[in-house]
Amino acid sequence: MYTEEMAKDVFKQVLTGLKYLHSKGVCHRDIKPQNLYITKSDSRVLILDYNVAKQRSEDGEFHMRTKTGT
């Protein structure tokens, strides 16, 4: 069972991870609970499953023309 504080920490970690990915020009495209892993040892949130992720192209765009995700 998650407390409100625990949920806030998880959400903050997810947002921090997404901010990092975006700063590197990566769009995940399939964020959902099944693609998040919380480590038992230190409760770090890992973002998994980059199969449909897109890298920003040379022109600065993502060129995402296909629907994806679940």
Protein backbone atom coordinates (compact mmCIF):
# COMPACT_ATOMS: atom_id res chain seq x y z
CA MET A 1 0.00 0.00 0.00
CA TYR A 2 1.34 3.41 -0.97
CA THR A 3 1.01 6.43 1.22
CA GLU A 4 0.42 9.82 -0.34
CA GLU A 5 4.07 10.72 0.34
CA MET A 6 5.29 7.55 -1.39
CA ALA A 7 3.06 8.21 -4.40
CA LYS A 8 4.34 11.79 -4.61
CA ASP A 9 7.92 10.53 -4.58
CA VAL A 10 7.23 8.00 -7.35
CA PHE A 11 5.47 10.61 -9.47
CA LYS A 12 8.31 13.08 -8.96
CA GLN A 13 10.85 10.48 -10.03
CA VAL A 14 8.86 9.66 -13.17
CA LEU A 15 8.66 13.34 -14.10
CA THR A 16 12.38 13.80 -13.43
CA GLY A 17 13.15 10.80 -15.64
CA LEU A 18 10.96 12.10 -18.45
CA LYS A 19 12.55 15.54 -18.19
CA TYR A 20 15.97 13.90 -18.55
CA LEU A 21 14.87 11.84 -21.56
CA HIS A 22 13.41 14.92 -23.25
CA SER A 23 16.63 16.86 -22.58
CA LYS A 24 18.45 14.10 -24.50
CA GLY A 25 15.96 14.27 -27.37
CA VAL A 26 14.11 11.06 -26.52
CA CYS A 27 10.33 10.68 -26.42
CA HIS A 28 9.28 7.42 -24.66
CA ARG A 29 5.76 7.23 -26.13
CA ASP A 30 4.43 4.47 -23.85
CA ILE A 31 4.53 5.58 -20.21
CA LYS A 32 2.25 3.37 -18.13
CA PRO A 33 2.54 1.54 -14.78
CA GLN A 34 3.74 -1.66 -16.48
CA ASN A 35 6.75 0.25 -17.88
CA LEU A 36 7.85 1.55 -14.49
CA TYR A 37 9.93 -0.49 -12.05
CA ILE A 38 10.52 0.50 -8.43
CA THR A 39 13.65 -1.01 -6.92
CA LYS A 40 13.19 -2.80 -3.61
CA SER A 41 16.50 -1.68 -2.13
CA ASP A 42 16.17 2.10 -2.48
CA SER A 43 12.74 2.75 -4.08
CA ARG A 44 14.22 4.24 -7.24
CA VAL A 45 11.89 4.39 -10.22
CA LEU A 46 13.25 3.02 -13.49
CA ILE A 47 11.54 3.71 -16.81
CA LEU A 48 11.47 0.56 -18.97
CA ASP A 49 10.49 -0.55 -22.49
CA TYR A 50 11.85 1.83 -25.09
CA ASN A 51 10.58 -0.20 -28.07
CA VAL A 52 8.44 2.63 -29.47
CA ALA A 53 10.61 5.53 -28.27
CA LYS A 54 11.69 8.13 -30.78
CA GLN A 55 14.89 10.15 -30.98
CA ARG A 56 14.68 13.78 -32.08
CA SER A 57 15.98 14.14 -35.64
CA GLU A 58 18.57 16.60 -36.93
CA ASP A 59 15.85 19.16 -37.71
CA GLY A 60 14.77 19.14 -34.06
CA GLU A 61 11.50 17.30 -34.68
CA PHE A 62 10.36 13.86 -33.55
CA HIS A 63 8.47 12.90 -36.75
CA MET A 64 5.96 10.68 -34.98
CA ARG A 65 3.40 9.83 -37.62
CA THR A 66 2.20 6.46 -36.34
CA LYS A 67 -0.11 5.81 -33.40
CA THR A 68 1.45 3.76 -30.67
CA GLY A 69 1.12 2.93 -27.02
CA THR A 70 -1.45 0.98 -25.09
